Amino acid sequence: MKQKKIAIIGGGPSGLSAAEVLSASGHAVSVYDAMPTFARKFLLAGKSGLNITHSEDYERFATRFGDASPLLRAALDAFTPADIRVWAAGLGTETFVGSSGRVFPNIMKASPLLRAWLARLEGRGVSFFPRHRWIGFTDDGHAFETPDGGKTISCDATLFALGGASYPRLGSDAAWVPLLVERGITIAPFQPANCGFDVAWSDLFQDHFAGQPLKSVTATSRAGTFPGEFVITRHGIEGSLIYAHSAVLRDDLREHGQAALSIDLAPGRTLERLSRDLARQGAKSSFSNRLRKGAGIDGAKAALLRELAPETNRNDPQELATAIKALPVPLLRPRPIAEAISSAGGIAFGEIDETYMLKHLPGVFAAGEMLDWEAPTGGYLLTACFATGRAAAKGIEAWLGRR
């Protein structure tokens, strides 16, 4: 195929993955990003250990994207979690499987992998243009705002990989939405995903327990029952266990105006055993001692029980055990989308064809978190960003080939 000029607008994992495929085919690829450096959210994700993908059974893995799972399946099949590990190794980053099944680089950090990736792309002739903010279409290309003023470019095909609406300070600010809406593209409203929630804590509880973790608990919602831990914040609750339930809790709040997460503070004991253990405690023992000796509960767990179940009869072992095993945490609202790990919403899948091309804009493709899908934390988000970027690149090649 004759070399073509391809503009990739957005320099995160999706855009860079597409650049890798297209540059390997010999095309002239230019990557534009509004930020001073590339893949800033990717770097942030790796600050405390880059969870690059997940090792669970692939058939189960492929269902983790909610209603969008069937729509993403072909892209995921073409670049699976196993393929990601091979790809990372090819860039000098070996990976390992953690106890939770999550996959991490041996060095844990994202920066060495990103440096090697960018170096390989530059070696293949990919051009990078930081501080180039896309501000709209021109007759034969795109307009950008740069430190040196306005700039227009022309190209044979375009990939948009501008991200969603979480972490806007890192570049995913959804400023592109009105520009695509003007072109008749349907955009599902953005919502926070993998987010914390506000809870109406008392001032006393806030002051004493904000920042405290609750470990070795389980949480139950319509999403299921999962073990883990979370953190009490001044505003409410936050952490990986909360993120596992965030989509259904967010939707319940939107549709019904209320939602509660049920917490089991003593998951290692059955209700019957817990009732017996509490009944054995002396009637003259303090409530704190009965919780500690009879249920193994103290500190923040005991305080949470007092905060959320003040009407419980503390002298009734069965009633107290029931509150400990299923303590409802009433939620007010999700935390703001700017704080969320990721976002739901974006370009409706009905707007793109099977090659990730926008049906109303021939030669214009989209990938990554711009599209309307979401996934839990655990490597699923990054995997789908890699996979859709590569799938869109293959779509660009096919479209150019037909021309």
Protein backbone atom coordinates (compact mmCIF):
# COMPACT_ATOMS: atom_id res chain seq x y z
CA MET A 1 0.00 0.00 0.00
CA LYS A 2 1.25 3.48 -0.84
CA GLN A 3 2.31 5.42 2.26
CA LYS A 4 -0.53 7.53 3.67
CA LYS A 5 -0.59 10.40 6.16
CA ILE A 6 -2.46 9.41 9.30
CA ALA A 7 -3.28 11.74 12.19
CA ILE A 8 -3.76 10.19 15.64
CA ILE A 9 -5.30 12.74 17.97
CA GLY A 10 -4.68 11.66 21.55
CA GLY A 11 -1.44 10.17 22.82
CA GLY A 12 -2.61 7.69 25.43
CA PRO A 13 -2.52 3.85 25.25
CA SER A 14 -5.17 3.66 22.50
CA GLY A 15 -3.48 6.21 20.26
CA LEU A 16 -0.01 4.79 20.79
CA SER A 17 -1.26 1.25 20.12
CA ALA A 18 -2.72 2.41 16.81
CA ALA A 19 0.51 4.22 15.97
CA GLU A 20 2.40 0.99 16.50
CA VAL A 21 0.26 -0.95 14.03
CA LEU A 22 0.15 1.79 11.40
CA SER A 23 3.85 2.66 11.53
CA ALA A 24 4.74 -1.01 11.20
CA SER A 25 2.86 -0.91 7.88
CA GLY A 26 5.00 2.00 6.69
CA HIS A 27 2.51 4.83 6.98
CA ALA A 28 3.45 8.38 7.95
CA VAL A 29 1.93 8.59 11.43
CA SER A 30 1.66 11.78 13.49
CA VAL A 31 0.43 11.73 17.10
CA TYR A 32 -1.03 14.95 18.55
CA ASP A 33 -1.75 15.58 22.21
CA ALA A 34 -2.85 18.64 24.18
CA MET A 35 -0.53 17.88 27.09
CA PRO A 36 3.21 18.60 27.31
CA THR A 37 3.99 14.86 27.42
CA PHE A 38 2.25 11.71 26.25
CA ALA A 39 0.25 9.04 28.12
CA ARG A 40 0.06 11.01 31.36
CA LYS A 41 -2.89 9.01 32.72
CA PHE A 42 -1.01 5.79 31.90
CA LEU A 43 1.89 7.07 33.99
CA LEU A 44 -0.43 7.96 36.85
CA ALA A 45 -1.95 4.49 36.74
CA GLY A 46 1.53 3.08 37.22
CA LYS A 47 2.49 5.34 40.09
CA SER A 48 1.60 2.73 42.70
CA GLY A 49 2.13 -0.31 40.47
CA LEU A 50 1.00 -0.60 36.86
CA ASN A 51 -1.83 -3.13 36.62
CA ILE A 52 -1.50 -3.75 32.91
CA THR A 53 -3.98 -6.62 32.42
CA HIS A 54 -5.56 -9.60 34.20
CA SER A 55 -4.80 -13.32 34.13
CA GLU A 56 -8.29 -14.72 34.74
CA ASP A 57 -9.83 -17.17 32.29
CA TYR A 58 -10.21 -15.29 29.03
CA GLU A 59 -13.87 -16.24 28.52
CA ARG A 60 -14.65 -14.65 31.88
CA PHE A 61 -12.34 -11.71 31.16
CA ALA A 62 -14.19 -10.90 27.94
CA THR A 63 -17.47 -10.45 29.84
CA ARG A 64 -16.14 -7.73 32.16
CA PHE A 65 -17.24 -4.83 29.96
CA GLY A 66 -20.96 -4.90 30.71
CA ASP A 67 -23.34 -4.29 27.82
CA ALA A 68 -20.39 -3.44 25.57
CA SER A 69 -18.73 -6.85 26.03
CA PRO A 70 -20.08 -8.35 22.76
CA LEU A 71 -19.15 -5.16 20.89
CA LEU A 72 -15.56 -5.24 22.14
CA ARG A 73 -15.08 -8.98 21.73
CA ALA A 74 -13.46 -8.96 18.28
CA ALA A 75 -10.93 -6.32 19.33
CA LEU A 76 -10.13 -8.21 22.53
CA ASP A 77 -9.79 -11.51 20.66
CA ALA A 78 -7.20 -9.88 18.41
CA PHE A 79 -5.11 -8.57 21.34
CA THR A 80 -5.69 -10.67 24.44
CA PRO A 81 -4.19 -10.32 27.93
CA ALA A 82 -1.64 -12.95 26.96
CA ASP A 83 -0.68 -10.86 23.91
CA ILE A 84 -0.18 -7.83 26.15
CA ARG A 85 2.34 -9.73 28.27
CA VAL A 86 4.25 -10.78 25.16
CA TRP A 87 4.15 -7.20 23.86
CA ALA A 88 5.49 -5.81 27.15
CA ALA A 89 8.28 -8.38 27.18
CA GLY A 90 9.23 -7.25 23.68
CA LEU A 91 9.78 -3.80 25.15
CA GLY A 92 12.01 -5.17 27.90
CA THR A 93 9.31 -5.32 30.58
CA GLU A 94 8.64 -8.78 32.01
CA THR A 95 5.42 -9.24 33.96
CA PHE A 96 4.13 -11.34 36.84
CA VAL A 97 0.72 -12.40 38.14
CA GLY A 98 -0.17 -11.07 41.57
CA SER A 99 -2.16 -12.94 44.20
CA SER A 100 -5.38 -11.32 42.95
CA GLY A 101 -4.76 -12.46 39.37
CA ARG A 102 -3.80 -8.98 38.26
CA VAL A 103 -0.76 -8.66 36.01
CA PHE A 104 2.04 -6.20 36.83
CA PRO A 105 5.46 -5.38 35.38
CA ASN A 106 8.26 -6.88 37.47
CA ILE A 107 9.52 -3.35 38.03
CA MET A 108 5.94 -2.27 38.90
CA LYS A 109 6.33 1.19 37.33
CA ALA A 110 4.92 2.47 34.03
CA SER A 111 7.68 4.88 33.08
CA PRO A 112 10.32 2.40 31.79
CA LEU A 113 7.71 0.66 29.63
CA LEU A 114 6.44 3.97 28.24
CA ARG A 115 9.96 5.23 27.49
CA ALA A 116 10.78 2.06 25.56
CA TRP A 117 7.46 2.22 23.72
CA LEU A 118 7.89 5.84 22.63
CA ALA A 119 11.48 5.15 21.58
CA ARG A 120 10.36 2.24 19.40
CA LEU A 121 7.66 4.35 17.78
CA GLU A 122 10.10 7.18 17.10
CA GLY A 123 12.47 4.63 15.58
CA ARG A 124 9.70 3.66 13.18
CA GLY A 125 9.26 7.25 12.09
CA VAL A 126 6.24 8.24 14.18
CA SER A 127 6.13 12.03 14.70
CA PHE A 128 4.97 13.40 18.05
CA PHE A 129 3.37 16.79 18.57
CA PRO A 130 2.76 17.70 22.23
CA ARG A 131 0.84 20.83 23.26
CA HIS A 132 -1.41 20.47 20.23
CA ARG A 133 -5.03 20.79 21.34
CA TRP A 134 -7.55 19.73 18.73
CA ILE A 135 -10.17 22.46 18.25
CA GLY A 136 -12.15 21.19 15.28
CA PHE A 137 -12.36 20.05 11.69
CA THR A 138 -11.17 21.92 8.62
CA ASP A 139 -12.16 21.26 5.00
CA ASP A 140 -9.44 18.63 4.53
CA GLY A 141 -8.13 17.95 8.02
CA HIS A 142 -7.97 19.40 11.51
CA ALA A 143 -7.28 22.59 13.41
CA PHE A 144 -5.09 22.73 16.51
CA GLU A 145 -4.26 25.30 19.13
CA THR A 146 -0.53 25.33 19.91
CA PRO A 147 1.87 27.52 21.92
CA ASP A 148 2.85 29.10 18.60
CA GLY A 149 -0.72 29.86 17.57
CA GLY A 150 -3.24 28.10 15.38
CA LYS A 151 -2.20 25.24 13.11
CA THR A 152 -4.03 23.19 10.49
CA ILE A 153 -3.05 19.80 9.09
CA SER A 154 -4.35 17.57 6.33
CA CYS A 155 -4.32 13.78 6.39
CA ASP A 156 -5.65 10.70 4.62
CA ALA A 157 -7.26 9.23 7.76
CA THR A 158 -7.78 10.19 11.39
CA LEU A 159 -8.00 8.29 14.65
CA PHE A 160 -9.49 10.05 17.65
CA ALA A 161 -8.19 8.64 20.94
CA LEU A 162 -8.92 11.60 23.21
CA GLY A 163 -10.05 9.70 26.30
CA GLY A 164 -13.14 10.09 28.42
CA ALA A 165 -13.92 12.59 31.15
CA SER A 166 -12.02 11.40 34.22
CA TYR A 167 -8.81 13.07 35.40
CA PRO A 168 -9.23 16.17 33.20
CA ARG A 169 -5.99 17.64 34.58
CA LEU A 170 -4.18 14.86 32.72
CA GLY A 171 -5.89 15.63 29.42
CA SER A 172 -9.12 13.59 29.43
CA ASP A 173 -11.43 16.59 29.66
CA ALA A 174 -14.09 15.61 27.08
CA ALA A 175 -13.67 18.99 25.36
CA TRP A 176 -14.16 17.11 22.09
CA VAL A 177 -17.82 16.29 22.82
CA PRO A 178 -19.48 19.44 21.38
CA LEU A 179 -17.22 19.30 18.31
CA LEU A 180 -18.47 15.81 17.42
CA VAL A 181 -22.06 16.58 18.40
CA GLU A 182 -21.94 19.39 15.83
CA ARG A 183 -21.22 16.71 13.24
CA GLY A 184 -24.28 14.70 14.24
CA ILE A 185 -22.48 12.12 16.40
CA THR A 186 -24.53 10.74 19.31
CA ILE A 187 -22.66 10.91 22.60
CA ALA A 188 -23.91 9.08 25.70
CA PRO A 189 -23.54 11.42 28.71
CA PHE A 190 -20.37 10.85 30.70
CA GLN A 191 -20.68 9.44 34.21
CA PRO A 192 -18.09 8.53 36.83
CA ALA A 193 -16.95 4.90 36.85
CA ASN A 194 -14.73 3.15 39.40
CA CYS A 195 -15.53 5.97 41.78
CA GLY A 196 -16.12 6.64 45.45
CA PHE A 197 -19.41 7.77 46.98
CA ASP A 198 -20.57 10.42 49.40
CA VAL A 199 -22.03 9.31 52.73
CA ALA A 200 -23.64 11.57 55.36
CA TRP A 201 -21.15 10.88 58.16
CA SER A 202 -21.57 12.59 61.51
CA ASP A 203 -18.95 15.22 62.31
CA LEU A 204 -17.58 13.06 65.14
CA PHE A 205 -17.13 10.02 62.90
CA GLN A 206 -15.56 12.15 60.15
CA ASP A 207 -13.08 13.76 62.49
CA HIS A 208 -11.93 10.51 64.07
CA PHE A 209 -11.99 7.99 61.22
CA ALA A 210 -11.45 9.78 57.89
CA GLY A 211 -8.52 8.07 56.20
CA GLN A 212 -8.97 4.80 58.11
CA PRO A 213 -9.04 1.55 56.07
CA LEU A 214 -11.55 -1.23 56.66
CA LYS A 215 -9.79 -4.47 55.85
CA SER A 216 -11.00 -8.06 55.57
CA VAL A 217 -14.63 -7.27 54.81
CA THR A 218 -17.02 -8.22 52.05
CA ALA A 219 -19.42 -5.91 50.22
CA THR A 220 -22.67 -6.90 48.52
CA SER A 221 -24.77 -5.15 45.86
CA ARG A 222 -26.52 -6.18 42.67
CA ALA A 223 -23.03 -6.66 41.25
CA GLY A 224 -22.45 -9.56 43.64
CA THR A 225 -20.47 -10.19 46.82
CA PHE A 226 -16.74 -9.46 46.82
CA PRO A 227 -14.05 -9.53 49.51
CA GLY A 228 -11.54 -6.73 49.93
CA GLU A 229 -11.03 -3.44 51.70
CA PHE A 230 -12.00 0.19 51.41
CA VAL A 231 -11.20 3.53 52.98
CA ILE A 232 -13.39 5.89 54.97
CA THR A 233 -12.98 9.44 53.69
CA ARG A 234 -14.31 12.76 54.93
CA HIS A 235 -16.87 12.60 52.15
CA GLY A 236 -17.78 8.91 52.22
CA ILE A 237 -16.14 5.70 51.00
CA GLU A 238 -13.42 5.00 48.45
CA GLY A 239 -11.23 2.12 47.29
CA SER A 240 -10.98 -0.99 45.14
CA LEU A 241 -13.82 -2.83 46.88
CA ILE A 242 -16.12 0.14 46.29
CA TYR A 243 -15.08 0.37 42.64
CA ALA A 244 -16.21 -3.22 42.09
CA HIS A 245 -19.76 -2.10 42.91
CA SER A 246 -19.67 1.45 41.60
CA ALA A 247 -21.48 0.92 38.29
CA VAL A 248 -24.62 -0.64 39.80
CA LEU A 249 -24.63 1.76 42.76
CA ARG A 250 -24.30 4.76 40.44
CA ASP A 251 -27.13 3.48 38.26
CA ASP A 252 -29.36 2.78 41.29
CA LEU A 253 -28.82 6.33 42.53
CA ARG A 254 -29.64 7.76 39.12
CA GLU A 255 -32.73 5.61 38.55
CA HIS A 256 -34.15 5.33 42.06
CA GLY A 257 -32.60 8.19 43.98
CA GLN A 258 -31.14 5.86 46.59
CA ALA A 259 -28.64 3.04 46.96
CA ALA A 260 -26.93 1.18 49.78
CA LEU A 261 -23.90 -1.07 49.91
CA SER A 262 -24.16 -3.97 52.38
CA ILE A 263 -20.96 -4.60 54.37
CA ASP A 264 -20.11 -7.81 56.21
CA LEU A 265 -17.70 -6.79 58.99
CA ALA A 266 -16.99 -10.39 60.00
CA PRO A 267 -16.96 -12.47 56.81
CA GLY A 268 -15.04 -15.33 58.46
CA ARG A 269 -17.99 -16.24 60.71
CA THR A 270 -21.50 -17.38 59.91
CA LEU A 271 -24.44 -15.51 61.37
CA GLU A 272 -25.18 -18.45 63.66
CA ARG A 273 -21.64 -18.70 65.00
CA LEU A 274 -21.40 -14.93 65.44
CA SER A 275 -24.66 -14.93 67.43
CA ARG A 276 -23.32 -17.68 69.70
CA ASP A 277 -19.97 -15.94 70.18
CA LEU A 278 -21.68 -12.67 71.12
CA ALA A 279 -24.10 -14.46 73.48
CA ARG A 280 -21.17 -15.87 75.43
CA GLN A 281 -19.96 -12.42 76.43
CA GLY A 282 -20.79 -11.28 79.94
CA ALA A 283 -23.74 -8.95 80.29
CA LYS A 284 -21.61 -6.56 82.33
CA SER A 285 -18.90 -6.29 79.66
CA SER A 286 -18.71 -3.02 77.78
CA PHE A 287 -20.05 -2.92 74.24
CA SER A 288 -16.50 -2.42 72.92
CA ASN A 289 -15.25 -5.52 74.75
CA ARG A 290 -18.18 -7.62 73.59
CA LEU A 291 -17.51 -6.62 69.97
CA ARG A 292 -13.80 -7.24 70.30
CA LYS A 293 -14.04 -10.60 72.10
CA GLY A 294 -17.23 -11.90 70.55
CA ALA A 295 -16.85 -10.68 66.96
CA GLY A 296 -13.19 -9.69 66.54
CA ILE A 297 -14.31 -6.14 65.76
CA ASP A 298 -12.72 -2.95 67.02
CA GLY A 299 -11.38 0.37 65.77
CA ALA A 300 -12.93 1.68 62.58
CA LYS A 301 -15.16 -1.38 62.15
CA ALA A 302 -16.72 -0.89 65.56
CA ALA A 303 -17.10 2.82 64.91
CA LEU A 304 -18.81 2.16 61.57
CA LEU A 305 -21.27 -0.16 63.28
CA ARG A 306 -22.07 2.50 65.87
CA GLU A 307 -22.40 5.16 63.16
CA LEU A 308 -24.73 3.24 60.84
CA ALA A 309 -26.72 1.01 63.20
CA PRO A 310 -27.39 3.17 66.28
CA GLU A 311 -30.86 1.65 66.80
CA THR A 312 -29.58 -1.91 67.03
CA ASN A 313 -30.30 -3.62 70.35
CA ARG A 314 -26.77 -4.15 71.59
CA ASN A 315 -27.94 -6.68 74.17
CA ASP A 316 -29.61 -8.94 71.60
CA PRO A 317 -26.87 -11.22 70.14
CA GLN A 318 -29.00 -12.20 67.11
CA GLU A 319 -29.89 -8.61 66.21
CA LEU A 320 -26.34 -7.42 66.73
CA ALA A 321 -24.91 -10.28 64.67
CA THR A 322 -27.35 -9.47 61.86
CA ALA A 323 -26.16 -5.84 61.79
CA ILE A 324 -22.52 -6.93 61.75
CA LYS A 325 -23.09 -9.37 58.87
CA ALA A 326 -25.15 -7.00 56.70
CA LEU A 327 -24.48 -3.39 57.61
CA PRO A 328 -26.09 -1.09 55.02
CA VAL A 329 -24.09 1.99 54.02
CA PRO A 330 -26.58 4.50 52.55
CA LEU A 331 -25.06 6.46 49.69
CA LEU A 332 -25.86 10.02 48.67
CA ARG A 333 -24.15 10.40 45.29
CA PRO A 334 -21.05 9.34 43.34
CA ARG A 335 -17.96 11.45 43.81
CA PRO A 336 -17.30 13.94 40.95
CA ILE A 337 -16.19 12.50 37.63
CA ALA A 338 -12.92 14.44 37.82
CA GLU A 339 -11.93 12.16 40.72
CA ALA A 340 -13.05 8.90 39.11
CA ILE A 341 -10.60 6.27 37.90
CA SER A 342 -12.48 6.11 34.61
CA SER A 343 -15.72 7.18 33.00
CA ALA A 344 -18.79 5.61 31.44
CA GLY A 345 -20.40 7.20 28.41
CA GLY A 346 -18.96 8.54 25.18
CA ILE A 347 -19.50 7.89 21.49
CA ALA A 348 -22.41 5.48 21.12
CA PHE A 349 -21.41 2.19 19.53
CA GLY A 350 -24.18 2.69 16.99
CA GLU A 351 -22.13 5.56 15.58
CA ILE A 352 -19.19 3.34 14.55
CA ASP A 353 -18.96 0.38 12.24
CA GLU A 354 -17.16 -2.89 12.92
CA THR A 355 -13.85 -1.26 11.97
CA TYR A 356 -14.28 1.60 14.51
CA MET A 357 -14.96 4.16 11.77
CA LEU A 358 -17.57 6.83 12.46
CA LYS A 359 -20.43 6.13 10.08
CA HIS A 360 -21.13 9.84 9.48
CA LEU A 361 -17.44 10.73 8.97
CA PRO A 362 -15.70 8.42 6.48
CA GLY A 363 -12.01 8.10 7.21
CA VAL A 364 -12.44 9.17 10.85
CA PHE A 365 -12.08 6.47 13.51
CA ALA A 366 -12.36 6.41 17.32
CA ALA A 367 -10.98 4.16 20.06
CA GLY A 368 -10.40 3.83 23.79
CA GLU A 369 -12.36 5.65 26.48
CA MET A 370 -13.98 7.98 23.94
CA LEU A 371 -16.36 5.09 23.26
CA ASP A 372 -19.33 4.22 25.46
CA TRP A 373 -18.05 1.32 27.56
CA GLU A 374 -16.78 0.80 31.08
CA ALA A 375 -14.98 -1.89 33.03
CA PRO A 376 -13.84 -2.53 36.60
CA THR A 377 -10.30 -1.91 37.71
CA GLY A 378 -7.94 -4.86 37.46
CA GLY A 379 -6.29 -4.35 34.08
CA TYR A 380 -9.52 -4.48 32.07
CA LEU A 381 -9.54 -0.78 31.23
CA LEU A 382 -6.02 -0.73 29.85
CA THR A 383 -6.50 -3.96 27.92
CA ALA A 384 -9.55 -2.60 26.10
CA CYS A 385 -7.73 0.66 25.34
CA PHE A 386 -4.82 -1.25 23.79
CA ALA A 387 -7.18 -3.57 21.91
CA THR A 388 -9.52 -0.93 20.47
CA GLY A 389 -6.59 1.23 19.40
CA ARG A 390 -5.13 -1.67 17.45
CA ALA A 391 -8.53 -2.63 16.03
CA ALA A 392 -9.12 0.92 14.81
CA ALA A 393 -5.66 0.92 13.20
CA LYS A 394 -6.55 -2.25 11.32
CA GLY A 395 -9.79 -0.55 10.31
CA ILE A 396 -7.85 2.44 8.96
CA GLU A 397 -5.62 0.13 6.93
CA ALA A 398 -8.64 -1.68 5.49
CA TRP A 399 -10.37 1.59 4.61
CA LEU A 400 -7.27 3.00 2.95
CA GLY A 401 -6.82 -0.24 1.08
CA ARG A 402 -10.34 -0.04 -0.34
CA ARG A 403 -9.62 3.44 -1.59
